[in-house]
């Protein structure tokens, strides 16, 4: 046991001597290491998920078709399943802007905070790799201030309210949009897969 403990201590001394004065800095992973680790983790998670559907499955249908024929439903469950499957990409395009427009209309502060958050996100995404340590600290501080502003100003609740309004609009559309032959065929193909 004593020899094993000495060997372990020796290994630790070798590792710390390789790290030199940067022992603490060497323990902090780089941005690339973190993104690689995240990608590897996501790949492991996705290994258990069924394969992503084809592009045809997530195709944005024409807006003319999307708003074509509305009728009261005969079989509400079938209509909901068919339309939610067939128009799902369109529904994303409805939910995203509604979830941002509702807070902007409801509160000018929300508009300012969401624009600041979008600007900061763009700056971080485009400049993080080349940023100095001082700029990175500024990015983190800005994210903290904007995040706290969004939480304490109630903007987060307005965004959640906007998402809920968008989802309700999509459910209303899926309920009253008459099923087309293409949507029925698409749903049948999905069931047979």
N, C-alpha and C. Protein backbone atom coordinates (compact mmCIF):
# COMPACT_ATOMS: atom_id res chain seq x y z
N UNK A 1 0.82 -1.20 0.00
CA UNK A 1 0.00 0.00 0.00
C UNK A 1 0.86 1.25 0.00
N UNK A 2 1.93 1.16 0.77
CA UNK A 2 2.79 2.32 0.87
C UNK A 2 3.43 2.64 -0.48
N UNK A 3 3.84 1.60 -1.22
CA UNK A 3 4.45 1.81 -2.53
C UNK A 3 3.45 2.41 -3.51
N UNK A 4 2.20 1.95 -3.44
CA UNK A 4 1.16 2.49 -4.32
C UNK A 4 0.91 3.96 -4.02
N UNK A 5 0.90 4.33 -2.73
CA UNK A 5 0.69 5.72 -2.34
C UNK A 5 1.86 6.59 -2.80
N UNK A 6 3.08 6.07 -2.68
CA UNK A 6 4.25 6.83 -3.13
C UNK A 6 4.24 7.00 -4.65
N UNK A 7 3.84 5.96 -5.37
CA UNK A 7 3.77 6.05 -6.84
C UNK A 7 2.73 7.09 -7.26
N UNK A 8 1.60 7.12 -6.56
CA UNK A 8 0.56 8.08 -6.88
C UNK A 8 1.04 9.51 -6.60
N UNK A 9 1.71 9.71 -5.47
CA UNK A 9 2.24 11.02 -5.12
C UNK A 9 3.28 11.46 -6.14
N UNK A 10 4.10 10.51 -6.60
CA UNK A 10 5.11 10.82 -7.60
C UNK A 10 4.47 11.26 -8.92
N UNK A 11 3.41 10.55 -9.31
CA UNK A 11 2.69 10.93 -10.54
C UNK A 11 2.11 12.33 -10.42
N UNK A 12 1.55 12.65 -9.25
CA UNK A 12 0.95 13.98 -9.05
C UNK A 12 2.03 15.06 -9.12
N UNK A 13 3.22 14.78 -8.53
CA UNK A 13 4.30 15.76 -8.58
C UNK A 13 4.76 15.98 -10.01
N UNK A 14 4.84 14.90 -10.81
CA UNK A 14 5.24 15.02 -12.20
C UNK A 14 4.23 15.87 -12.98
N UNK A 15 2.97 15.63 -12.76
CA UNK A 15 1.94 16.39 -13.47
C UNK A 15 1.97 17.86 -13.09
N UNK A 16 2.16 18.14 -11.79
CA UNK A 16 2.19 19.54 -11.37
C UNK A 16 3.47 20.23 -11.85
N UNK A 17 4.56 19.49 -11.97
CA UNK A 17 5.80 20.11 -12.47
C UNK A 17 5.67 20.40 -13.97
N UNK A 18 4.93 19.56 -14.70
CA UNK A 18 4.70 19.83 -16.13
C UNK A 18 3.84 21.07 -16.30
N UNK A 19 2.87 21.27 -15.40
CA UNK A 19 2.00 22.43 -15.49
C UNK A 19 2.76 23.70 -15.12
N UNK A 20 3.81 23.57 -14.31
CA UNK A 20 4.63 24.70 -13.93
C UNK A 20 3.82 25.72 -13.15
N UNK A 21 4.09 26.98 -13.45
CA UNK A 21 3.38 28.06 -12.75
C UNK A 21 1.93 28.15 -13.18
N UNK A 22 1.60 27.59 -14.33
CA UNK A 22 0.24 27.67 -14.86
C UNK A 22 -0.61 26.51 -14.37
N UNK A 23 -0.31 25.94 -13.23
CA UNK A 23 -1.06 24.79 -12.72
C UNK A 23 -2.54 25.09 -12.62
N UNK A 24 -2.90 26.28 -12.14
CA UNK A 24 -4.32 26.63 -12.01
C UNK A 24 -4.93 26.87 -13.39
N UNK A 25 -4.18 27.52 -14.27
CA UNK A 25 -4.71 27.82 -15.61
C UNK A 25 -4.86 26.55 -16.44
N UNK A 26 -3.97 25.57 -16.20
CA UNK A 26 -4.05 24.34 -16.97
C UNK A 26 -5.31 23.55 -16.61
N UNK A 27 -5.83 23.76 -15.40
CA UNK A 27 -7.02 23.03 -14.98
C UNK A 27 -8.29 23.59 -15.63
N UNK A 28 -8.25 24.84 -16.11
CA UNK A 28 -9.42 25.45 -16.73
C UNK A 28 -9.42 25.09 -18.21
N UNK A 29 -10.46 24.43 -18.67
CA UNK A 29 -10.49 24.03 -20.09
C UNK A 29 -10.69 25.24 -21.00
N UNK A 30 -10.18 25.12 -22.22
CA UNK A 30 -10.34 26.21 -23.19
C UNK A 30 -11.74 26.16 -23.78
N UNK A 31 -12.09 27.21 -24.51
CA UNK A 31 -13.41 27.29 -25.16
C UNK A 31 -13.57 26.14 -26.15
N UNK A 32 -12.50 25.82 -26.90
CA UNK A 32 -12.57 24.72 -27.86
C UNK A 32 -12.79 23.39 -27.16
N UNK A 33 -12.10 23.18 -26.02
CA UNK A 33 -12.29 21.94 -25.27
C UNK A 33 -13.73 21.80 -24.80
N UNK A 34 -14.29 22.92 -24.32
CA UNK A 34 -15.68 22.88 -23.85
C UNK A 34 -16.64 22.58 -25.00
N UNK A 35 -16.45 23.22 -26.16
CA UNK A 35 -17.35 22.97 -27.28
C UNK A 35 -17.20 21.54 -27.79
N UNK A 36 -15.97 21.04 -27.84
CA UNK A 36 -15.76 19.64 -28.25
C UNK A 36 -16.43 18.68 -27.28
N UNK A 37 -16.29 18.96 -25.98
CA UNK A 37 -16.90 18.10 -24.98
C UNK A 37 -18.43 18.15 -25.10
N UNK A 38 -18.97 19.34 -25.36
CA UNK A 38 -20.42 19.47 -25.53
C UNK A 38 -20.89 18.70 -26.76
N UNK A 39 -20.15 18.83 -27.87
CA UNK A 39 -20.51 18.11 -29.09
C UNK A 39 -20.44 16.60 -28.88
N UNK A 40 -19.40 16.13 -28.19
CA UNK A 40 -19.29 14.69 -27.91
C UNK A 40 -20.42 14.22 -27.02
N UNK A 41 -20.77 15.02 -26.02
CA UNK A 41 -21.88 14.66 -25.14
C UNK A 41 -23.20 14.62 -25.89
N UNK A 42 -23.43 15.62 -26.74
CA UNK A 42 -24.66 15.63 -27.54
C UNK A 42 -24.70 14.45 -28.50
N UNK A 43 -23.55 14.11 -29.07
CA UNK A 43 -23.52 12.96 -29.98
C UNK A 43 -23.88 11.68 -29.22
N UNK A 44 -23.41 11.56 -27.99
CA UNK A 44 -23.75 10.40 -27.18
C UNK A 44 -25.23 10.35 -26.84
N UNK A 45 -25.80 11.51 -26.54
CA UNK A 45 -27.23 11.57 -26.24
C UNK A 45 -28.03 11.24 -27.49
N UNK A 46 -27.61 11.81 -28.62
CA UNK A 46 -28.35 11.62 -29.86
C UNK A 46 -28.24 10.19 -30.39
N UNK A 47 -27.27 9.43 -29.91
CA UNK A 47 -27.13 8.05 -30.36
C UNK A 47 -28.36 7.23 -29.98
N UNK A 48 -29.01 7.61 -28.88
CA UNK A 48 -30.20 6.90 -28.46
C UNK A 48 -31.49 7.45 -29.05
N UNK A 49 -31.39 8.54 -29.81
CA UNK A 49 -32.57 9.18 -30.40
C UNK A 49 -32.73 8.68 -31.83
N UNK A 50 -33.95 8.43 -32.27
CA UNK A 50 -34.14 7.99 -33.66
C UNK A 50 -33.57 9.02 -34.64
N UNK A 51 -33.23 8.55 -35.83
CA UNK A 51 -32.62 9.42 -36.84
C UNK A 51 -33.54 10.60 -37.16
N UNK A 52 -32.92 11.73 -37.48
CA UNK A 52 -33.67 12.93 -37.84
C UNK A 52 -34.41 12.68 -39.14
N UNK A 53 -35.62 13.20 -39.21
CA UNK A 53 -36.41 13.00 -40.43
C UNK A 53 -35.76 13.73 -41.59
N UNK A 54 -36.21 13.37 -42.77
CA UNK A 54 -35.66 13.98 -43.97
C UNK A 54 -36.02 15.46 -44.03
N UNK A 55 -35.37 16.17 -44.95
CA UNK A 55 -35.67 17.59 -45.12
C UNK A 55 -37.12 17.79 -45.52
N UNK A 56 -37.67 16.84 -46.24
CA UNK A 56 -39.06 16.94 -46.66
C UNK A 56 -39.99 17.02 -45.46
N UNK A 57 -39.63 16.32 -44.40
CA UNK A 57 -40.45 16.32 -43.19
C UNK A 57 -40.49 17.69 -42.53
N UNK A 58 -39.40 18.45 -42.61
CA UNK A 58 -39.32 19.76 -41.96
C UNK A 58 -39.39 20.90 -42.97
N UNK A 59 -39.96 20.66 -44.10
CA UNK A 59 -40.08 21.67 -45.15
C UNK A 59 -41.11 22.72 -44.75
N UNK A 60 -40.79 23.98 -45.00
CA UNK A 60 -41.75 25.05 -44.76
C UNK A 60 -42.74 25.03 -45.91
N UNK A 61 -43.98 24.81 -45.59
CA UNK A 61 -45.03 24.77 -46.62
C UNK A 61 -45.35 26.19 -47.06
N UNK A 62 -45.90 26.33 -48.25
CA UNK A 62 -46.21 27.68 -48.75
C UNK A 62 -47.24 28.33 -47.83
N UNK A 63 -47.12 29.63 -47.67
CA UNK A 63 -48.03 30.35 -46.79
C UNK A 63 -49.43 30.42 -47.39
N UNK A 64 -49.50 30.36 -48.72
CA UNK A 64 -50.83 30.29 -49.36
C UNK A 64 -51.54 29.01 -48.95
N UNK A 65 -50.82 27.91 -48.98
CA UNK A 65 -51.39 26.63 -48.55
C UNK A 65 -51.70 26.65 -47.06
N UNK A 66 -50.82 27.26 -46.28
CA UNK A 66 -50.97 27.33 -44.83
C UNK A 66 -52.29 28.02 -44.44
N UNK A 67 -52.65 29.07 -45.19
CA UNK A 67 -53.86 29.83 -44.89
C UNK A 67 -55.03 29.52 -45.83
N UNK A 68 -55.01 28.39 -46.50
CA UNK A 68 -55.98 28.11 -47.57
C UNK A 68 -57.41 27.90 -47.10
N UNK A 69 -57.73 26.78 -46.50
CA UNK A 69 -59.12 26.41 -46.21
C UNK A 69 -59.29 26.15 -44.72
N UNK A 70 -60.24 26.86 -44.13
CA UNK A 70 -60.53 26.66 -42.71
C UNK A 70 -61.98 26.19 -42.57
N UNK A 71 -62.15 25.10 -41.81
CA UNK A 71 -63.48 24.54 -41.56
C UNK A 71 -63.52 24.00 -40.14
N UNK A 72 -64.72 23.92 -39.56
CA UNK A 72 -64.80 23.26 -38.24
C UNK A 72 -64.40 21.79 -38.38
N UNK A 73 -63.72 21.25 -37.37
CA UNK A 73 -63.23 19.87 -37.49
C UNK A 73 -64.32 18.82 -37.28
N UNK A 74 -64.25 17.75 -38.08
CA UNK A 74 -65.11 16.59 -37.88
C UNK A 74 -64.47 15.66 -36.85
N UNK A 75 -63.20 15.37 -37.08
CA UNK A 75 -62.44 14.49 -36.19
C UNK A 75 -61.25 15.31 -35.69
N UNK A 76 -61.42 15.94 -34.57
CA UNK A 76 -60.43 16.91 -34.08
C UNK A 76 -59.06 16.27 -33.83
N UNK A 77 -59.03 15.07 -33.27
CA UNK A 77 -57.75 14.43 -32.95
C UNK A 77 -56.94 14.15 -34.21
N UNK A 78 -57.59 13.60 -35.23
CA UNK A 78 -56.91 13.31 -36.49
C UNK A 78 -56.42 14.59 -37.16
N UNK A 79 -57.28 15.62 -37.14
CA UNK A 79 -56.89 16.88 -37.77
C UNK A 79 -55.71 17.50 -37.06
N UNK A 80 -55.73 17.50 -35.74
CA UNK A 80 -54.60 18.05 -34.99
C UNK A 80 -53.31 17.30 -35.29
N UNK A 81 -53.36 15.96 -35.24
CA UNK A 81 -52.16 15.16 -35.51
C UNK A 81 -51.62 15.45 -36.90
N UNK A 82 -52.51 15.45 -37.88
CA UNK A 82 -52.08 15.65 -39.27
C UNK A 82 -51.49 17.03 -39.47
N UNK A 83 -52.20 18.07 -39.03
CA UNK A 83 -51.73 19.43 -39.27
C UNK A 83 -50.49 19.76 -38.45
N UNK A 84 -50.42 19.31 -37.21
CA UNK A 84 -49.22 19.58 -36.41
C UNK A 84 -48.00 18.91 -37.02
N UNK A 85 -48.18 17.75 -37.60
CA UNK A 85 -47.06 17.07 -38.26
C UNK A 85 -46.69 17.77 -39.57
N UNK A 86 -47.69 18.06 -40.38
CA UNK A 86 -47.43 18.57 -41.73
C UNK A 86 -46.92 20.01 -41.73
N UNK A 87 -47.43 20.84 -40.83
CA UNK A 87 -47.06 22.26 -40.82
C UNK A 87 -46.10 22.62 -39.69
N UNK A 88 -45.38 21.67 -39.14
CA UNK A 88 -44.55 21.96 -37.97
C UNK A 88 -43.48 23.01 -38.22
N UNK A 89 -42.88 23.03 -39.39
CA UNK A 89 -41.88 24.07 -39.67
C UNK A 89 -42.54 25.44 -39.73
N UNK A 90 -43.73 25.51 -40.32
CA UNK A 90 -44.45 26.78 -40.36
C UNK A 90 -44.80 27.24 -38.94
N UNK A 91 -45.16 26.30 -38.09
CA UNK A 91 -45.51 26.66 -36.72
C UNK A 91 -44.32 27.25 -35.98
N UNK A 92 -43.12 26.76 -36.27
CA UNK A 92 -41.93 27.38 -35.66
C UNK A 92 -41.78 28.82 -36.12
N UNK A 93 -42.06 29.06 -37.39
CA UNK A 93 -41.99 30.42 -37.91
C UNK A 93 -43.10 31.31 -37.37
N UNK A 94 -44.14 30.75 -36.83
CA UNK A 94 -45.19 31.54 -36.18
C UNK A 94 -44.81 31.81 -34.73
N UNK A 95 -44.36 30.77 -34.03
CA UNK A 95 -44.08 30.90 -32.59
C UNK A 95 -42.90 31.84 -32.32
N UNK A 96 -41.83 31.73 -33.11
CA UNK A 96 -40.64 32.55 -32.83
C UNK A 96 -40.92 34.05 -32.87
N UNK A 97 -41.48 34.59 -33.96
CA UNK A 97 -41.72 36.04 -33.95
C UNK A 97 -42.78 36.47 -32.93
N UNK A 98 -43.81 35.67 -32.75
CA UNK A 98 -44.86 36.04 -31.79
C UNK A 98 -44.26 36.12 -30.38
N UNK A 99 -43.37 35.18 -30.05
CA UNK A 99 -42.78 35.18 -28.72
C UNK A 99 -41.87 36.39 -28.48
N UNK A 100 -41.42 37.03 -29.55
CA UNK A 100 -40.61 38.24 -29.40
C UNK A 100 -41.44 39.51 -29.56
N UNK A 101 -42.46 39.47 -30.40
CA UNK A 101 -43.27 40.66 -30.65
C UNK A 101 -44.16 40.99 -29.45
N UNK A 102 -44.74 39.99 -28.82
CA UNK A 102 -45.62 40.24 -27.67
C UNK A 102 -44.89 41.01 -26.57
N UNK A 103 -43.69 40.61 -26.14
CA UNK A 103 -43.02 41.40 -25.10
C UNK A 103 -42.66 42.81 -25.57
N UNK A 104 -42.34 42.95 -26.85
CA UNK A 104 -41.97 44.27 -27.35
C UNK A 104 -43.15 45.22 -27.36
N UNK A 105 -44.33 44.70 -27.64
CA UNK A 105 -45.54 45.53 -27.63
C UNK A 105 -45.95 45.84 -26.20
N UNK A 106 -45.83 44.86 -25.32
CA UNK A 106 -46.29 45.00 -23.94
C UNK A 106 -45.40 45.91 -23.10
N UNK A 107 -44.12 45.96 -23.41
CA UNK A 107 -43.21 46.73 -22.55
C UNK A 107 -42.03 47.28 -23.35
N UNK A 108 -41.85 48.60 -23.33
CA UNK A 108 -40.67 49.18 -24.00
C UNK A 108 -39.36 48.69 -23.38
N UNK A 109 -39.38 48.43 -22.08
CA UNK A 109 -38.17 47.92 -21.41
C UNK A 109 -37.80 46.56 -21.97
N UNK A 110 -38.80 45.74 -22.26
CA UNK A 110 -38.55 44.42 -22.84
C UNK A 110 -37.88 44.57 -24.20
N UNK A 111 -38.34 45.52 -24.99
CA UNK A 111 -37.74 45.78 -26.30
C UNK A 111 -36.26 46.12 -26.15
N UNK A 112 -35.96 47.02 -25.23
CA UNK A 112 -34.57 47.44 -25.02
C UNK A 112 -33.72 46.26 -24.54
N UNK A 113 -34.22 45.49 -23.58
CA UNK A 113 -33.46 44.36 -23.05
C UNK A 113 -33.26 43.26 -24.09
N UNK A 114 -34.28 42.98 -24.90
CA UNK A 114 -34.14 41.94 -25.92
C UNK A 114 -33.16 42.37 -27.01
N UNK A 115 -33.17 43.64 -27.38
CA UNK A 115 -32.20 44.13 -28.37
C UNK A 115 -30.78 44.06 -27.79
N UNK A 116 -30.64 44.44 -26.52
CA UNK A 116 -29.32 44.35 -25.88
C UNK A 116 -28.85 42.90 -25.80
N UNK A 117 -29.75 41.98 -25.46
CA UNK A 117 -29.39 40.57 -25.37
C UNK A 117 -28.98 40.02 -26.73
N UNK A 118 -29.72 40.39 -27.78
CA UNK A 118 -29.38 39.93 -29.13
C UNK A 118 -28.03 40.51 -29.56
N UNK A 119 -27.79 41.77 -29.26
CA UNK A 119 -26.51 42.40 -29.62
C UNK A 119 -25.34 41.74 -28.90
N UNK A 120 -25.52 41.49 -27.61
CA UNK A 120 -24.47 40.83 -26.83
C UNK A 120 -24.22 39.42 -27.35
N UNK A 121 -25.29 38.70 -27.65
CA UNK A 121 -25.14 37.33 -28.17
C UNK A 121 -24.38 37.35 -29.49
N UNK A 122 -24.69 38.30 -30.36
CA UNK A 122 -23.97 38.41 -31.63
C UNK A 122 -22.50 38.71 -31.39
N UNK A 123 -22.21 39.63 -30.48
CA UNK A 123 -20.82 40.00 -30.18
C UNK A 123 -20.06 38.80 -29.62
N UNK A 124 -20.67 38.06 -28.72
CA UNK A 124 -20.01 36.90 -28.13
C UNK A 124 -19.74 35.83 -29.19
N UNK A 125 -20.72 35.55 -30.01
CA UNK A 125 -20.56 34.50 -31.02
C UNK A 125 -19.48 34.87 -32.04
N UNK A 126 -19.41 36.12 -32.42
CA UNK A 126 -18.46 36.52 -33.46
C UNK A 126 -17.07 36.86 -32.94
N UNK A 127 -16.93 37.19 -31.65
CA UNK A 127 -15.63 37.66 -31.17
C UNK A 127 -15.05 36.90 -29.98
N UNK A 128 -15.70 35.88 -29.49
CA UNK A 128 -15.23 35.23 -28.26
C UNK A 128 -13.84 34.62 -28.42
N UNK A 129 -13.60 33.95 -29.54
CA UNK A 129 -12.31 33.28 -29.75
C UNK A 129 -11.14 34.26 -29.75
N UNK A 130 -11.33 35.46 -30.29
CA UNK A 130 -10.24 36.43 -30.40
C UNK A 130 -10.25 37.47 -29.30
N UNK A 131 -11.20 37.41 -28.39
CA UNK A 131 -11.34 38.42 -27.33
C UNK A 131 -10.23 38.29 -26.30
N UNK A 132 -9.83 39.45 -25.77
CA UNK A 132 -8.86 39.45 -24.67
C UNK A 132 -9.59 39.05 -23.40
N UNK A 133 -8.84 38.79 -22.35
CA UNK A 133 -9.45 38.40 -21.08
C UNK A 133 -10.35 39.51 -20.55
N UNK A 134 -9.96 40.75 -20.73
CA UNK A 134 -10.79 41.87 -20.27
C UNK A 134 -12.11 41.92 -21.05
N UNK A 135 -12.04 41.69 -22.36
CA UNK A 135 -13.27 41.67 -23.16
C UNK A 135 -14.17 40.52 -22.76
N UNK A 136 -13.59 39.36 -22.45
CA UNK A 136 -14.38 38.21 -22.01
C UNK A 136 -15.08 38.50 -20.69
N UNK A 137 -14.37 39.17 -19.78
CA UNK A 137 -14.98 39.55 -18.51
C UNK A 137 -16.13 40.53 -18.75
N UNK A 138 -15.95 41.44 -19.71
CA UNK A 138 -17.01 42.39 -20.07
C UNK A 138 -18.21 41.64 -20.65
N UNK A 139 -17.96 40.63 -21.48
CA UNK A 139 -19.05 39.83 -22.04
C UNK A 139 -19.83 39.13 -20.93
N UNK A 140 -19.10 38.54 -19.99
CA UNK A 140 -19.76 37.83 -18.88
C UNK A 140 -20.56 38.79 -18.01
N UNK A 141 -19.98 39.94 -17.72
CA UNK A 141 -20.68 40.95 -16.91
C UNK A 141 -21.91 41.47 -17.63
N UNK A 142 -21.79 41.72 -18.92
CA UNK A 142 -22.93 42.18 -19.71
C UNK A 142 -24.05 41.15 -19.72
N UNK A 143 -23.67 39.87 -19.87
CA UNK A 143 -24.68 38.81 -19.86
C UNK A 143 -25.38 38.75 -18.50
N UNK A 144 -24.62 38.92 -17.43
CA UNK A 144 -25.21 38.90 -16.09
C UNK A 144 -26.18 40.06 -15.91
N UNK A 145 -25.76 41.26 -16.28
CA UNK A 145 -26.62 42.45 -16.12
C UNK A 145 -27.88 42.32 -16.95
N UNK A 146 -27.73 41.93 -18.22
CA UNK A 146 -28.90 41.78 -19.09
C UNK A 146 -29.80 40.66 -18.59
N UNK A 147 -29.21 39.54 -18.18
CA UNK A 147 -30.00 38.43 -17.65
C UNK A 147 -30.80 38.83 -16.42
N UNK A 148 -30.15 39.55 -15.49
CA UNK A 148 -30.87 40.02 -14.31
C UNK A 148 -31.96 41.02 -14.68
N UNK A 149 -31.65 41.87 -15.65
CA UNK A 149 -32.66 42.83 -16.12
C UNK A 149 -33.87 42.14 -16.71
N UNK A 150 -33.62 41.10 -17.50
CA UNK A 150 -34.72 40.34 -18.11
C UNK A 150 -35.55 39.65 -17.03
N UNK A 151 -34.90 39.10 -16.03
CA UNK A 151 -35.62 38.40 -14.97
C UNK A 151 -36.40 39.37 -14.09
N UNK A 152 -35.75 40.44 -13.61
CA UNK A 152 -36.39 41.33 -12.65
C UNK A 152 -37.35 42.33 -13.28
N UNK A 153 -37.25 42.56 -14.58
CA UNK A 153 -38.20 43.49 -15.22
C UNK A 153 -39.48 42.78 -15.64
N UNK A 154 -39.50 41.47 -15.53
CA UNK A 154 -40.68 40.72 -15.93
C UNK A 154 -40.67 40.36 -17.40
N UNK A 155 -39.60 40.70 -18.10
CA UNK A 155 -39.52 40.39 -19.53
C UNK A 155 -39.57 38.90 -19.77
N UNK A 156 -39.00 38.11 -18.88
CA UNK A 156 -39.01 36.66 -19.06
C UNK A 156 -40.44 36.14 -19.08
N UNK A 157 -41.30 36.72 -18.23
CA UNK A 157 -42.70 36.30 -18.21
C UNK A 157 -43.42 36.73 -19.48
N UNK A 158 -43.04 37.90 -20.00
CA UNK A 158 -43.63 38.35 -21.26
C UNK A 158 -43.22 37.44 -22.41
N UNK A 159 -41.97 36.98 -22.41
CA UNK A 159 -41.51 36.06 -23.45
C UNK A 159 -42.26 34.73 -23.33
N UNK A 160 -42.41 34.24 -22.10
CA UNK A 160 -43.17 33.00 -21.89
C UNK A 160 -44.62 33.19 -22.35
N UNK A 161 -45.19 34.34 -22.02
CA UNK A 161 -46.55 34.66 -22.47
C UNK A 161 -46.61 34.69 -24.00
N UNK A 162 -45.59 35.27 -24.63
CA UNK A 162 -45.54 35.29 -26.09
C UNK A 162 -45.46 33.91 -26.70
N UNK A 163 -44.66 33.03 -26.09
CA UNK A 163 -44.57 31.64 -26.57
C UNK A 163 -45.93 30.96 -26.43
N UNK A 164 -46.60 31.20 -25.30
CA UNK A 164 -47.92 30.60 -25.08
C UNK A 164 -48.92 31.10 -26.12
N UNK A 165 -48.89 32.39 -26.42
CA UNK A 165 -49.79 32.94 -27.45
C UNK A 165 -49.48 32.29 -28.80
N UNK A 166 -48.20 32.15 -29.13
CA UNK A 166 -47.81 31.51 -30.39
C UNK A 166 -48.29 30.07 -30.47
N UNK A 167 -48.15 29.34 -29.38
CA UNK A 167 -48.61 27.94 -29.36
C UNK A 167 -50.12 27.87 -29.50
N UNK A 168 -50.84 28.76 -28.84
CA UNK A 168 -52.30 28.78 -28.97
C UNK A 168 -52.73 29.11 -30.39
N UNK A 169 -52.03 30.03 -31.04
CA UNK A 169 -52.34 30.33 -32.45
C UNK A 169 -52.12 29.09 -33.32
N UNK A 170 -51.04 28.37 -33.06
CA UNK A 170 -50.75 27.17 -33.85
C UNK A 170 -51.79 26.08 -33.61
N UNK A 171 -52.21 25.92 -32.37
CA UNK A 171 -53.24 24.91 -32.07
C UNK A 171 -54.56 25.30 -32.73
N UNK A 172 -54.88 26.58 -32.70
CA UNK A 172 -56.11 27.04 -33.36
C UNK A 172 -56.02 26.78 -34.87
N UNK A 173 -54.88 27.06 -35.46
CA UNK A 173 -54.70 26.80 -36.88
C UNK A 173 -54.83 25.31 -37.17
N UNK A 174 -54.15 24.49 -36.38
CA UNK A 174 -54.18 23.04 -36.60
C UNK A 174 -55.59 22.48 -36.42
N UNK A 175 -56.38 23.10 -35.58
CA UNK A 175 -57.75 22.64 -35.36
C UNK A 175 -58.66 22.99 -36.52
N UNK A 176 -58.54 24.19 -37.06
CA UNK A 176 -59.50 24.65 -38.06
C UNK A 176 -58.99 24.58 -39.50
N UNK A 177 -57.71 24.31 -39.71
CA UNK A 177 -57.18 24.18 -41.08
C UNK A 177 -57.58 22.80 -41.61
N UNK A 178 -58.37 22.79 -42.68
CA UNK A 178 -58.80 21.52 -43.28
C UNK A 178 -57.57 20.78 -43.79
N UNK A 179 -57.56 19.46 -43.61
CA UNK A 179 -56.41 18.65 -44.03
C UNK A 179 -56.38 18.55 -45.54
N UNK A 180 -55.20 18.71 -46.11
CA UNK A 180 -55.03 18.52 -47.55
C UNK A 180 -54.64 17.07 -47.81
N UNK A 181 -54.71 16.65 -49.03
CA UNK A 181 -54.33 15.28 -49.38
C UNK A 181 -52.84 15.06 -49.10
N UNK A 182 -52.03 16.11 -49.32
CA UNK A 182 -50.59 15.99 -49.08
C UNK A 182 -50.30 15.78 -47.60
N UNK A 183 -51.03 16.49 -46.75
CA UNK A 183 -50.79 16.32 -45.31
C UNK A 183 -51.22 14.94 -44.85
N UNK A 184 -52.29 14.41 -45.42
CA UNK A 184 -52.74 13.06 -45.06
C UNK A 184 -51.71 12.01 -45.47
N UNK A 185 -51.18 12.15 -46.69
CA UNK A 185 -50.16 11.20 -47.17
C UNK A 185 -48.91 11.28 -46.31
N UNK A 186 -48.50 12.50 -45.97
CA UNK A 186 -47.31 12.69 -45.14
C UNK A 186 -47.49 12.03 -43.78
N UNK A 187 -48.67 12.18 -43.20
CA UNK A 187 -48.93 11.57 -41.90
C UNK A 187 -48.96 10.05 -42.00
N UNK A 188 -49.54 9.52 -43.07
CA UNK A 188 -49.56 8.06 -43.25
C UNK A 188 -48.15 7.51 -43.41
N UNK A 189 -47.31 8.23 -44.16
CA UNK A 189 -45.91 7.80 -44.30
C UNK A 189 -45.23 7.76 -42.95
N UNK A 190 -45.49 8.75 -42.12
CA UNK A 190 -44.87 8.82 -40.80
C UNK A 190 -45.29 7.62 -39.95
N UNK A 191 -46.58 7.25 -40.02
CA UNK A 191 -47.08 6.12 -39.24
C UNK A 191 -46.45 4.80 -39.69
N UNK A 192 -46.16 4.68 -40.99
CA UNK A 192 -45.61 3.44 -41.53
C UNK A 192 -44.11 3.30 -41.29
N UNK A 193 -43.46 4.36 -40.88
CA UNK A 193 -42.01 4.30 -40.64
C UNK A 193 -41.69 3.63 -39.34
